[in-house]
């Protein structure tokens, strides 16, 4: 099996596919720095949709998700966007933790693993 790197860079690839698995790097709201939790979450989920499509899969095949948010008081705001995005019956295994992110411009980061 070959390793397929999607949007590779010097430090990381945005996604790596191996066999029937696709691993996404942690995604932040590059188009919405400083925006609300809901806006950043929506931007990230749009980015995840695009990366999964490039890898030949989609959100209905997400196996697991790790979510980091900077303030657990905004957990419900993030979940409203997440819940509207995840297809019915396709909720992945998921963990959400509070953490300080690389820059204060971002309040959420999401990483997923999907099948294809």
PDB file of N, CA and C in Angstrom:
ATOM      1  N   UNK A   1       0.844  -1.187   0.000  1.00  0.00           N
ATOM      2  CA  UNK A   1       0.000   0.000   0.000  1.00  0.00           C
ATOM      3  C   UNK A   1       0.884   1.244   0.000  1.00  0.00           C
ATOM      4  N   UNK A   2       0.415   2.247  -0.690  1.00  0.00           N
ATOM      5  CA  UNK A   2       1.155   3.495  -0.726  1.00  0.00           C
ATOM      6  C   UNK A   2       0.545   4.502   0.250  1.00  0.00           C
ATOM      7  N   UNK A   3       1.372   5.434   0.655  1.00  0.00           N
ATOM      8  CA  UNK A   3       0.933   6.522   1.516  1.00  0.00           C
ATOM      9  C   UNK A   3       0.655   7.724   0.624  1.00  0.00           C
ATOM     10  N   UNK A   4      -0.538   8.280   0.748  1.00  0.00           N
ATOM     11  CA  UNK A   4      -0.937   9.451  -0.036  1.00  0.00           C
ATOM     12  C   UNK A   4      -0.984  10.658   0.898  1.00  0.00           C
ATOM     13  N   UNK A   5      -0.201  11.686   0.580  1.00  0.00           N
ATOM     14  CA  UNK A   5      -0.174  12.908   1.385  1.00  0.00           C
ATOM     15  C   UNK A   5      -0.940  14.002   0.656  1.00  0.00           C
ATOM     16  N   UNK A   6      -1.917  14.567   1.321  1.00  0.00           N
ATOM     17  CA  UNK A   6      -2.791  15.586   0.740  1.00  0.00           C
ATOM     18  C   UNK A   6      -2.415  16.940   1.334  1.00  0.00           C
ATOM     19  N   UNK A   7      -2.147  17.888   0.452  1.00  0.00           N
ATOM     20  CA  UNK A   7      -1.686  19.214   0.849  1.00  0.00           C
ATOM     21  C   UNK A   7      -0.484  19.122   1.788  1.00  0.00           C
ATOM     22  N   UNK A   8       0.586  18.470   1.304  1.00  0.00           N
ATOM     23  CA  UNK A   8       1.771  18.334   2.148  1.00  0.00           C
ATOM     24  C   UNK A   8       2.514  19.663   2.291  1.00  0.00           C
ATOM     25  N   UNK A   9       3.118  19.836   3.440  1.00  0.00           N
ATOM     26  CA  UNK A   9       3.950  21.005   3.699  1.00  0.00           C
ATOM     27  C   UNK A   9       5.246  20.556   4.335  1.00  0.00           C
ATOM     28  N   UNK A  10       6.054  21.505   4.720  1.00  0.00           N
ATOM     29  CA  UNK A  10       7.342  21.182   5.339  1.00  0.00           C
ATOM     30  C   UNK A  10       7.150  20.510   6.707  1.00  0.00           C
ATOM     31  N   UNK A  11       6.181  21.013   7.481  1.00  0.00           N
ATOM     32  CA  UNK A  11       5.979  20.520   8.846  1.00  0.00           C
ATOM     33  C   UNK A  11       4.935  19.419   8.936  1.00  0.00           C
ATOM     34  N   UNK A  12       3.891  19.504   8.100  1.00  0.00           N
ATOM     35  CA  UNK A  12       2.801  18.531   8.192  1.00  0.00           C
ATOM     36  C   UNK A  12       2.033  18.472   6.882  1.00  0.00           C
ATOM     37  N   UNK A  13       1.316  17.398   6.722  1.00  0.00           N
ATOM     38  CA  UNK A  13       0.359  17.273   5.619  1.00  0.00           C
ATOM     39  C   UNK A  13      -1.021  17.507   6.215  1.00  0.00           C
ATOM     40  N   UNK A  14      -1.906  18.137   5.454  1.00  0.00           N
ATOM     41  CA  UNK A  14      -3.253  18.377   5.967  1.00  0.00           C
ATOM     42  C   UNK A  14      -4.026  17.076   6.122  1.00  0.00           C
ATOM     43  N   UNK A  15      -3.694  16.082   5.305  1.00  0.00           N
ATOM     44  CA  UNK A  15      -4.307  14.757   5.427  1.00  0.00           C
ATOM     45  C   UNK A  15      -3.322  13.724   4.909  1.00  0.00           C
ATOM     46  N   UNK A  16      -3.412  12.525   5.474  1.00  0.00           N
ATOM     47  CA  UNK A  16      -2.607  11.404   5.011  1.00  0.00           C
ATOM     48  C   UNK A  16      -3.541  10.202   4.890  1.00  0.00           C
ATOM     49  N   UNK A  17      -3.531   9.576   3.715  1.00  0.00           N
ATOM     50  CA  UNK A  17      -4.349   8.392   3.486  1.00  0.00           C
ATOM     51  C   UNK A  17      -3.434   7.176   3.358  1.00  0.00           C
ATOM     52  N   UNK A  18      -3.841   6.099   4.001  1.00  0.00           N
ATOM     53  CA  UNK A  18      -3.116   4.841   3.921  1.00  0.00           C
ATOM     54  C   UNK A  18      -4.146   3.734   3.911  1.00  0.00           C
ATOM     55  N   UNK A  19      -4.195   3.001   2.833  1.00  0.00           N
ATOM     56  CA  UNK A  19      -5.211   1.963   2.708  1.00  0.00           C
ATOM     57  C   UNK A  19      -6.592   2.597   2.746  1.00  0.00           C
ATOM     58  N   UNK A  20      -7.429   2.093   3.617  1.00  0.00           N
ATOM     59  CA  UNK A  20      -8.795   2.604   3.722  1.00  0.00           C
ATOM     60  C   UNK A  20      -8.968   3.608   4.860  1.00  0.00           C
ATOM     61  N   UNK A  21      -7.857   4.161   5.361  1.00  0.00           N
ATOM     62  CA  UNK A  21      -7.933   5.141   6.444  1.00  0.00           C
ATOM     63  C   UNK A  21      -7.397   6.489   5.999  1.00  0.00           C
ATOM     64  N   UNK A  22      -8.036   7.549   6.484  1.00  0.00           N
ATOM     65  CA  UNK A  22      -7.611   8.920   6.208  1.00  0.00           C
ATOM     66  C   UNK A  22      -7.456   9.630   7.544  1.00  0.00           C
ATOM     67  N   UNK A  23      -6.279  10.200   7.756  1.00  0.00           N
ATOM     68  CA  UNK A  23      -5.962  10.916   8.984  1.00  0.00           C
ATOM     69  C   UNK A  23      -5.823  12.403   8.661  1.00  0.00           C
ATOM     70  N   UNK A  24      -6.626  13.246   9.264  1.00  0.00           N
ATOM     71  CA  UNK A  24      -6.507  14.678   9.056  1.00  0.00           C
ATOM     72  C   UNK A  24      -5.669  15.298  10.163  1.00  0.00           C
ATOM     73  N   UNK A  25      -4.896  16.299   9.795  1.00  0.00           N
ATOM     74  CA  UNK A  25      -4.187  17.108  10.791  1.00  0.00           C
ATOM     75  C   UNK A  25      -5.228  17.928  11.538  1.00  0.00           C
ATOM     76  N   UNK A  26      -4.862  18.427  12.690  1.00  0.00           N
ATOM     77  CA  UNK A  26      -5.755  19.315  13.416  1.00  0.00           C
ATOM     78  C   UNK A  26      -6.074  20.534  12.558  1.00  0.00           C
ATOM     79  N   UNK A  27      -7.359  20.824  12.424  1.00  0.00           N
ATOM     80  CA  UNK A  27      -7.798  21.941  11.581  1.00  0.00           C
ATOM     81  C   UNK A  27      -8.253  23.101  12.449  1.00  0.00           C
ATOM     82  N   UNK A  28      -7.809  24.297  12.080  1.00  0.00           N
ATOM     83  CA  UNK A  28      -8.257  25.521  12.741  1.00  0.00           C
ATOM     84  C   UNK A  28      -8.953  26.393  11.698  1.00  0.00           C
ATOM     85  N   UNK A  29      -9.602  27.437  12.159  1.00  0.00           N
ATOM     86  CA  UNK A  29     -10.385  28.307  11.279  1.00  0.00           C
ATOM     87  C   UNK A  29      -9.484  29.338  10.595  1.00  0.00           C
ATOM     88  N   UNK A  30      -8.711  28.884   9.616  1.00  0.00           N
ATOM     89  CA  UNK A  30      -7.780  29.774   8.929  1.00  0.00           C
ATOM     90  C   UNK A  30      -8.483  30.970   8.298  1.00  0.00           C
ATOM     91  N   UNK A  31      -9.739  30.790   7.885  1.00  0.00           N
ATOM     92  CA  UNK A  31     -10.493  31.877   7.251  1.00  0.00           C
ATOM     93  C   UNK A  31     -11.247  32.736   8.260  1.00  0.00           C
ATOM     94  N   UNK A  32     -11.241  32.354   9.542  1.00  0.00           N
ATOM     95  CA  UNK A  32     -12.043  33.061  10.555  1.00  0.00           C
ATOM     96  C   UNK A  32     -11.284  33.291  11.865  1.00  0.00           C
ATOM     97  N   UNK A  33     -10.001  33.680  11.831  1.00  0.00           N
ATOM     98  CA  UNK A  33      -9.308  33.912  13.103  1.00  0.00           C
ATOM     99  C   UNK A  33     -10.005  35.032  13.876  1.00  0.00           C
ATOM    100  N   UNK A  34     -10.147  34.821  15.168  1.00  0.00           N
ATOM    101  CA  UNK A  34     -10.784  35.824  16.011  1.00  0.00           C
ATOM    102  C   UNK A  34     -12.302  35.812  15.983  1.00  0.00           C
ATOM    103  N   UNK A  35     -12.912  34.966  15.162  1.00  0.00           N
ATOM    104  CA  UNK A  35     -14.378  34.886  15.065  1.00  0.00           C
ATOM    105  C   UNK A  35     -14.934  34.105  16.259  1.00  0.00           C
ATOM    106  N   UNK A  36     -16.251  34.042  16.340  1.00  0.00           N
ATOM    107  CA  UNK A  36     -16.910  33.323  17.434  1.00  0.00           C
ATOM    108  C   UNK A  36     -16.634  31.818  17.343  1.00  0.00           C
ATOM    109  N   UNK A  37     -16.915  31.124  18.427  1.00  0.00           N
ATOM    110  CA  UNK A  37     -16.768  29.672  18.465  1.00  0.00           C
ATOM    111  C   UNK A  37     -17.601  29.023  17.360  1.00  0.00           C
ATOM    112  N   UNK A  38     -18.831  29.465  17.184  1.00  0.00           N
ATOM    113  CA  UNK A  38     -19.706  28.893  16.156  1.00  0.00           C
ATOM    114  C   UNK A  38     -19.142  29.132  14.755  1.00  0.00           C
ATOM    115  N   UNK A  39     -18.694  30.346  14.477  1.00  0.00           N
ATOM    116  CA  UNK A  39     -18.146  30.657  13.149  1.00  0.00           C
ATOM    117  C   UNK A  39     -16.879  29.874  12.877  1.00  0.00           C
ATOM    118  N   UNK A  40     -16.015  29.770  13.885  1.00  0.00           N
ATOM    119  CA  UNK A  40     -14.786  29.002  13.687  1.00  0.00           C
ATOM    120  C   UNK A  40     -15.094  27.523  13.496  1.00  0.00           C
ATOM    121  N   UNK A  41     -16.010  26.987  14.268  1.00  0.00           N
ATOM    122  CA  UNK A  41     -16.376  25.575  14.114  1.00  0.00           C
ATOM    123  C   UNK A  41     -16.917  25.315  12.714  1.00  0.00           C
ATOM    124  N   UNK A  42     -17.792  26.172  12.221  1.00  0.00           N
ATOM    125  CA  UNK A  42     -18.348  26.022  10.862  1.00  0.00           C
ATOM    126  C   UNK A  42     -17.235  26.055   9.823  1.00  0.00           C
ATOM    127  N   UNK A  43     -16.305  27.005   9.955  1.00  0.00           N
ATOM    128  CA  UNK A  43     -15.190  27.111   9.014  1.00  0.00           C
ATOM    129  C   UNK A  43     -14.343  25.844   9.022  1.00  0.00           C
ATOM    130  N   UNK A  44     -14.067  25.321  10.209  1.00  0.00           N
ATOM    131  CA  UNK A  44     -13.268  24.093  10.324  1.00  0.00           C
ATOM    132  C   UNK A  44     -14.001  22.909   9.686  1.00  0.00           C
ATOM    133  N   UNK A  45     -15.279  22.775   9.943  1.00  0.00           N
ATOM    134  CA  UNK A  45     -16.034  21.651   9.377  1.00  0.00           C
ATOM    135  C   UNK A  45     -16.099  21.742   7.856  1.00  0.00           C
ATOM    136  N   UNK A  46     -16.164  22.949   7.309  1.00  0.00           N
ATOM    137  CA  UNK A  46     -16.087  23.123   5.847  1.00  0.00           C
ATOM    138  C   UNK A  46     -14.730  22.662   5.329  1.00  0.00           C
ATOM    139  N   UNK A  47     -13.670  22.997   6.061  1.00  0.00           N
ATOM    140  CA  UNK A  47     -12.316  22.567   5.672  1.00  0.00           C
ATOM    141  C   UNK A  47     -12.206  21.042   5.739  1.00  0.00           C
ATOM    142  N   UNK A  48     -12.776  20.447   6.772  1.00  0.00           N
ATOM    143  CA  UNK A  48     -12.751  18.991   6.907  1.00  0.00           C
ATOM    144  C   UNK A  48     -13.506  18.342   5.743  1.00  0.00           C
ATOM    145  N   UNK A  49     -14.664  18.874   5.396  1.00  0.00           N
ATOM    146  CA  UNK A  49     -15.413  18.348   4.236  1.00  0.00           C
ATOM    147  C   UNK A  49     -14.548  18.363   2.982  1.00  0.00           C
ATOM    148  N   UNK A  50     -13.847  19.467   2.741  1.00  0.00           N
ATOM    149  CA  UNK A  50     -13.027  19.600   1.538  1.00  0.00           C
ATOM    150  C   UNK A  50     -11.854  18.626   1.548  1.00  0.00           C
ATOM    151  N   UNK A  51     -11.193  18.465   2.677  1.00  0.00           N
ATOM    152  CA  UNK A  51     -10.069  17.535   2.760  1.00  0.00           C
ATOM    153  C   UNK A  51     -10.527  16.088   2.610  1.00  0.00           C
ATOM    154  N   UNK A  52     -11.636  15.754   3.230  1.00  0.00           N
ATOM    155  CA  UNK A  52     -12.155  14.397   3.082  1.00  0.00           C
ATOM    156  C   UNK A  52     -12.517  14.107   1.631  1.00  0.00           C
ATOM    157  N   UNK A  53     -13.094  15.076   0.943  1.00  0.00           N
ATOM    158  CA  UNK A  53     -13.429  14.898  -0.469  1.00  0.00           C
ATOM    159  C   UNK A  53     -12.163  14.655  -1.296  1.00  0.00           C
ATOM    160  N   UNK A  54     -11.104  15.405  -1.018  1.00  0.00           N
ATOM    161  CA  UNK A  54      -9.836  15.199  -1.740  1.00  0.00           C
ATOM    162  C   UNK A  54      -9.289  13.799  -1.507  1.00  0.00           C
ATOM    163  N   UNK A  55      -9.591  13.231  -0.333  1.00  0.00           N
ATOM    164  CA  UNK A  55      -9.116  11.885   0.004  1.00  0.00           C
ATOM    165  C   UNK A  55     -10.071  10.794  -0.454  1.00  0.00           C
ATOM    166  N   UNK A  56     -11.195  11.178  -1.062  1.00  0.00           N
ATOM    167  CA  UNK A  56     -12.134  10.186  -1.575  1.00  0.00           C
ATOM    168  C   UNK A  56     -13.102   9.651  -0.539  1.00  0.00           C
ATOM    169  N   UNK A  57     -13.441  10.458   0.449  1.00  0.00           N
ATOM    170  CA  UNK A  57     -14.386  10.031   1.473  1.00  0.00           C
ATOM    171  C   UNK A  57     -15.251  11.216   1.893  1.00  0.00           C
ATOM    172  N   UNK A  58     -16.028  11.047   2.963  1.00  0.00           N
ATOM    173  CA  UNK A  58     -16.886  12.139   3.431  1.00  0.00           C
ATOM    174  C   UNK A  58     -17.173  11.982   4.916  1.00  0.00           C
ATOM    175  N   UNK A  59     -17.881  12.960   5.471  1.00  0.00           N
ATOM    176  CA  UNK A  59     -18.123  13.004   6.915  1.00  0.00           C
ATOM    177  C   UNK A  59     -18.936  11.830   7.439  1.00  0.00           C
ATOM    178  N   UNK A  60     -19.670  11.138   6.588  1.00  0.00           N
ATOM    179  CA  UNK A  60     -20.441   9.979   7.053  1.00  0.00           C
ATOM    180  C   UNK A  60     -19.533   8.806   7.417  1.00  0.00           C
ATOM    181  N   UNK A  61     -18.255   8.908   7.044  1.00  0.00           N
ATOM    182  CA  UNK A  61     -17.310   7.817   7.306  1.00  0.00           C
ATOM    183  C   UNK A  61     -16.267   8.185   8.356  1.00  0.00           C
ATOM    184  N   UNK A  62     -16.513   9.274   9.094  1.00  0.00           N
ATOM    185  CA  UNK A  62     -15.583   9.637  10.160  1.00  0.00           C
ATOM    186  C   UNK A  62     -15.684   8.602  11.288  1.00  0.00           C
ATOM    187  N   UNK A  63     -14.540   8.086  11.686  1.00  0.00           N
ATOM    188  CA  UNK A  63     -14.468   7.076  12.744  1.00  0.00           C
ATOM    189  C   UNK A  63     -14.263   7.708  14.109  1.00  0.00           C
ATOM    190  N   UNK A  64     -13.400   8.718  14.171  1.00  0.00           N
ATOM    191  CA  UNK A  64     -13.119   9.366  15.448  1.00  0.00           C
ATOM    192  C   UNK A  64     -12.801  10.836  15.238  1.00  0.00           C
ATOM    193  N   UNK A  65     -13.028  11.617  16.286  1.00  0.00           N
ATOM    194  CA  UNK A  65     -12.729  13.044  16.260  1.00  0.00           C
ATOM    195  C   UNK A  65     -12.157  13.459  17.605  1.00  0.00           C
ATOM    196  N   UNK A  66     -11.146  14.305  17.556  1.00  0.00           N
ATOM    197  CA  UNK A  66     -10.605  14.951  18.746  1.00  0.00           C
ATOM    198  C   UNK A  66     -10.845  16.440  18.582  1.00  0.00           C
ATOM    199  N   UNK A  67     -11.414  17.056  19.607  1.00  0.00           N
ATOM    200  CA  UNK A  67     -11.727  18.484  19.552  1.00  0.00           C
ATOM    201  C   UNK A  67     -11.092  19.160  20.751  1.00  0.00           C
ATOM    202  N   UNK A  68     -10.403  20.258  20.471  1.00  0.00           N
ATOM    203  CA  UNK A  68      -9.815  21.082  21.514  1.00  0.00           C
ATOM    204  C   UNK A  68     -10.501  22.442  21.468  1.00  0.00           C
ATOM    205  N   UNK A  69     -10.992  22.903  22.606  1.00  0.00           N
ATOM    206  CA  UNK A  69     -11.582  24.239  22.684  1.00  0.00           C
ATOM    207  C   UNK A  69     -10.895  25.002  23.813  1.00  0.00           C
ATOM    208  N   UNK A  70     -10.822  26.319  23.660  1.00  0.00           N
ATOM    209  CA  UNK A  70     -10.088  27.120  24.633  1.00  0.00           C
ATOM    210  C   UNK A  70     -10.904  27.456  25.873  1.00  0.00           C
ATOM    211  N   UNK A  71     -12.221  27.281  25.800  1.00  0.00           N
ATOM    212  CA  UNK A  71     -13.074  27.632  26.938  1.00  0.00           C
ATOM    213  C   UNK A  71     -14.261  26.679  26.965  1.00  0.00           C
ATOM    214  N   UNK A  72     -14.284  25.803  27.955  1.00  0.00           N
ATOM    215  CA  UNK A  72     -15.336  24.793  28.045  1.00  0.00           C
ATOM    216  C   UNK A  72     -16.719  25.421  28.218  1.00  0.00           C
ATOM    217  N   UNK A  73     -16.773  26.695  28.601  1.00  0.00           N
ATOM    218  CA  UNK A  73     -18.073  27.377  28.695  1.00  0.00           C
ATOM    219  C   UNK A  73     -18.701  27.555  27.308  1.00  0.00           C
ATOM    220  N   UNK A  74     -17.911  27.383  26.245  1.00  0.00           N
ATOM    221  CA  UNK A  74     -18.423  27.497  24.877  1.00  0.00           C
ATOM    222  C   UNK A  74     -18.696  26.135  24.241  1.00  0.00           C
ATOM    223  N   UNK A  75     -18.670  25.096  25.058  1.00  0.00           N
ATOM    224  CA  UNK A  75     -18.901  23.724  24.593  1.00  0.00           C
ATOM    225  C   UNK A  75     -20.236  23.600  23.856  1.00  0.00           C
ATOM    226  N   UNK A  76     -21.307  24.158  24.417  1.00  0.00           N
ATOM    227  CA  UNK A  76     -22.626  24.055  23.788  1.00  0.00           C
ATOM    228  C   UNK A  76     -22.681  24.783  22.451  1.00  0.00           C
ATOM    229  N   UNK A  77     -22.009  25.935  22.361  1.00  0.00           N
ATOM    230  CA  UNK A  77     -21.982  26.695  21.102  1.00  0.00           C
ATOM    231  C   UNK A  77     -21.309  25.885  19.999  1.00  0.00           C
ATOM    232  N   UNK A  78     -20.183  25.234  20.326  1.00  0.00           N
ATOM    233  CA  UNK A  78     -19.500  24.389  19.350  1.00  0.00           C
ATOM    234  C   UNK A  78     -20.372  23.200  18.986  1.00  0.00           C
ATOM    235  N   UNK A  79     -21.008  22.569  19.985  1.00  0.00           N
ATOM    236  CA  UNK A  79     -21.828  21.382  19.735  1.00  0.00           C
ATOM    237  C   UNK A  79     -23.034  21.664  18.844  1.00  0.00           C
ATOM    238  N   UNK A  80     -23.615  22.850  18.915  1.00  0.00           N
ATOM    239  CA  UNK A  80     -24.745  23.182  18.031  1.00  0.00           C
ATOM    240  C   UNK A  80     -24.334  23.083  16.572  1.00  0.00           C
ATOM    241  N   UNK A  81     -23.158  23.588  16.257  1.00  0.00           N
ATOM    242  CA  UNK A  81     -22.662  23.534  14.876  1.00  0.00           C
ATOM    243  C   UNK A  81     -22.294  22.097  14.523  1.00  0.00           C
ATOM    244  N   UNK A  82     -21.592  21.422  15.416  1.00  0.00           N
ATOM    245  CA  UNK A  82     -21.188  20.026  15.194  1.00  0.00           C
ATOM    246  C   UNK A  82     -22.402  19.139  14.953  1.00  0.00           C
ATOM    247  N   UNK A  83     -23.416  19.249  15.835  1.00  0.00           N
ATOM    248  CA  UNK A  83     -24.599  18.388  15.742  1.00  0.00           C
ATOM    249  C   UNK A  83     -25.357  18.593  14.435  1.00  0.00           C
ATOM    250  N   UNK A  84     -25.402  19.817  13.936  1.00  0.00           N
ATOM    251  CA  UNK A  84     -26.071  20.098  12.659  1.00  0.00           C
ATOM    252  C   UNK A  84     -25.279  19.538  11.481  1.00  0.00           C
ATOM    253  N   UNK A  85     -23.984  19.358  11.654  1.00  0.00           N
ATOM    254  CA  UNK A  85     -23.100  18.904  10.570  1.00  0.00           C
ATOM    255  C   UNK A  85     -23.015  17.383  10.465  1.00  0.00           C
ATOM    256  N   UNK A  86     -23.005  16.681  11.587  1.00  0.00           N
ATOM    257  CA  UNK A  86     -22.846  15.222  11.572  1.00  0.00           C
ATOM    258  C   UNK A  86     -24.125  14.573  11.048  1.00  0.00           C
ATOM    259  N   UNK A  87     -24.003  13.710  10.017  1.00  0.00           N
ATOM    260  CA  UNK A  87     -25.192  13.035   9.500  1.00  0.00           C
ATOM    261  C   UNK A  87     -25.835  12.127  10.562  1.00  0.00           C
ATOM    262  N   UNK A  88     -27.148  12.063  10.552  1.00  0.00           N
ATOM    263  CA  UNK A  88     -27.876  11.212  11.494  1.00  0.00           C
ATOM    264  C   UNK A  88     -27.356   9.781  11.411  1.00  0.00           C
ATOM    265  N   UNK A  89     -27.109   9.190  12.557  1.00  0.00           N
ATOM    266  CA  UNK A  89     -26.643   7.809  12.612  1.00  0.00           C
ATOM    267  C   UNK A  89     -25.163   7.625  12.335  1.00  0.00           C
ATOM    268  N   UNK A  90     -24.419   8.727  12.147  1.00  0.00           N
ATOM    269  CA  UNK A  90     -22.998   8.623  11.789  1.00  0.00           C
ATOM    270  C   UNK A  90     -22.070   9.289  12.795  1.00  0.00           C
ATOM    271  N   UNK A  91     -22.533   9.465  14.026  1.00  0.00           N
ATOM    272  CA  UNK A  91     -21.684  10.118  15.031  1.00  0.00           C
ATOM    273  C   UNK A  91     -20.432   9.280  15.289  1.00  0.00           C
ATOM    274  N   UNK A  92     -19.252   9.893  15.210  1.00  0.00           N
ATOM    275  CA  UNK A  92     -18.010   9.147  15.457  1.00  0.00           C
ATOM    276  C   UNK A  92     -17.716   9.050  16.950  1.00  0.00           C
ATOM    277  N   UNK A  93     -16.748   8.225  17.297  1.00  0.00           N
ATOM    278  CA  UNK A  93     -16.181   8.273  18.646  1.00  0.00           C
ATOM    279  C   UNK A  93     -15.538   9.656  18.761  1.00  0.00           C
ATOM    280  N   UNK A  94     -15.674  10.303  19.935  1.00  0.00           N
ATOM    281  CA  UNK A  94     -15.214  11.691  20.022  1.00  0.00           C
ATOM    282  C   UNK A  94     -14.739  12.033  21.425  1.00  0.00           C
ATOM    283  N   UNK A  95     -13.723  12.880  21.475  1.00  0.00           N
ATOM    284  CA  UNK A  95     -13.258  13.446  22.738  1.00  0.00           C
ATOM    285  C   UNK A  95     -13.162  14.955  22.559  1.00  0.00           C
ATOM    286  N   UNK A  96     -13.554  15.699  23.583  1.00  0.00           N
ATOM    287  CA  UNK A  96     -13.424  17.153  23.572  1.00  0.00           C
ATOM    288  C   UNK A  96     -12.762  17.574  24.871  1.00  0.00           C
ATOM    289  N   UNK A  97     -11.697  18.361  24.746  1.00  0.00           N
ATOM    290  CA  UNK A  97     -10.986  18.836  25.927  1.00  0.00           C
ATOM    291  C   UNK A  97     -10.726  20.333  25.818  1.00  0.00           C
ATOM    292  N   UNK A  98     -10.539  20.951  26.970  1.00  0.00           N
ATOM    293  CA  UNK A  98     -10.159  22.359  26.998  1.00  0.00           C
ATOM    294  C   UNK A  98      -8.640  22.449  26.930  1.00  0.00           C
ATOM    295  N   UNK A  99      -8.146  23.338  26.071  1.00  0.00           N
ATOM    296  CA  UNK A  99      -6.700  23.474  25.898  1.00  0.00           C
ATOM    297  C   UNK A  99      -6.362  24.864  25.375  1.00  0.00           C
ATOM    298  N   UNK A 100      -5.152  25.275  25.615  1.00  0.00           N
ATOM    299  CA  UNK A 100      -4.658  26.503  25.002  1.00  0.00           C
ATOM    300  C   UNK A 100      -4.146  26.127  23.612  1.00  0.00           C
ATOM    301  N   UNK A 101      -4.569  26.871  22.592  1.00  0.00           N
ATOM    302  CA  UNK A 101      -4.158  26.574  21.220  1.00  0.00           C
ATOM    303  C   UNK A 101      -2.927  27.404  20.844  1.00  0.00           C
ATOM    304  N   UNK A 102      -2.418  27.195  19.643  1.00  0.00           N
ATOM    305  CA  UNK A 102      -1.159  27.802  19.214  1.00  0.00           C
ATOM    306  C   UNK A 102      -1.188  29.326  19.204  1.00  0.00           C
ATOM    307  N   UNK A 103      -2.349  29.905  18.974  1.00  0.00           N
ATOM    308  CA  UNK A 103      -2.491  31.357  18.962  1.00  0.00           C
ATOM    309  C   UNK A 103      -3.849  31.724  19.542  1.00  0.00           C
ATOM    310  N   UNK A 104      -3.961  32.854  20.216  1.00  0.00           N
ATOM    311  CA  UNK A 104      -5.252  33.244  20.797  1.00  0.00           C
ATOM    312  C   UNK A 104      -6.316  33.587  19.748  1.00  0.00           C
ATOM    313  N   UNK A 105      -5.939  33.651  18.478  1.00  0.00           N
ATOM    314  CA  UNK A 105      -6.912  33.905  17.408  1.00  0.00           C
ATOM    315  C   UNK A 105      -7.860  32.729  17.206  1.00  0.00           C
ATOM    316  N   UNK A 106      -7.464  31.564  17.670  1.00  0.00           N
ATOM    317  CA  UNK A 106      -8.267  30.360  17.460  1.00  0.00           C
ATOM    318  C   UNK A 106      -8.841  29.867  18.783  1.00  0.00           C
ATOM    319  N   UNK A 107     -10.123  29.477  18.749  1.00  0.00           N
ATOM    320  CA  UNK A 107     -10.769  28.975  19.965  1.00  0.00           C
ATOM    321  C   UNK A 107     -11.166  27.502  19.839  1.00  0.00           C
ATOM    322  N   UNK A 108     -10.950  26.907  18.668  1.00  0.00           N
ATOM    323  CA  UNK A 108     -11.287  25.495  18.476  1.00  0.00           C
ATOM    324  C   UNK A 108     -10.359  24.883  17.426  1.00  0.00           C
ATOM    325  N   UNK A 109     -10.023  23.615  17.634  1.00  0.00           N
ATOM    326  CA  UNK A 109      -9.245  22.836  16.673  1.00  0.00           C
ATOM    327  C   UNK A 109      -9.848  21.441  16.632  1.00  0.00           C
ATOM    328  N   UNK A 110      -9.973  20.886  15.431  1.00  0.00           N
ATOM    329  CA  UNK A 110     -10.604  19.571  15.275  1.00  0.00           C
ATOM    330  C   UNK A 110      -9.733  18.684  14.383  1.00  0.00           C
ATOM    331  N   UNK A 111      -9.551  17.446  14.814  1.00  0.00           N
ATOM    332  CA  UNK A 111      -8.810  16.451  14.064  1.00  0.00           C
ATOM    333  C   UNK A 111      -9.690  15.209  13.914  1.00  0.00           C
ATOM    334  N   UNK A 112      -9.747  14.635  12.727  1.00  0.00           N
ATOM    335  CA  UNK A 112     -10.565  13.445  12.513  1.00  0.00           C
ATOM    336  C   UNK A 112      -9.787  12.341  11.814  1.00  0.00           C
ATOM    337  N   UNK A 113     -10.285  11.133  11.984  1.00  0.00           N
ATOM    338  CA  UNK A 113      -9.831   9.955  11.246  1.00  0.00           C
ATOM    339  C   UNK A 113     -11.079   9.386  10.573  1.00  0.00           C
ATOM    340  N   UNK A 114     -10.964   9.069   9.281  1.00  0.00           N
ATOM    341  CA  UNK A 114     -12.116   8.563   8.537  1.00  0.00           C
ATOM    342  C   UNK A 114     -11.727   7.316   7.733  1.00  0.00           C
ATOM    343  N   UNK A 115     -12.734   6.534   7.424  1.00  0.00           N
ATOM    344  CA  UNK A 115     -12.578   5.407   6.501  1.00  0.00           C
ATOM    345  C   UNK A 115     -12.870   5.904   5.090  1.00  0.00           C
ATOM    346  N   UNK A 116     -12.421   5.158   4.103  1.00  0.00           N
ATOM    347  CA  UNK A 116     -12.813   5.487   2.728  1.00  0.00           C
ATOM    348  C   UNK A 116     -13.085   4.220   1.960  1.00  0.00           C
TER     349      UNK A 116
END
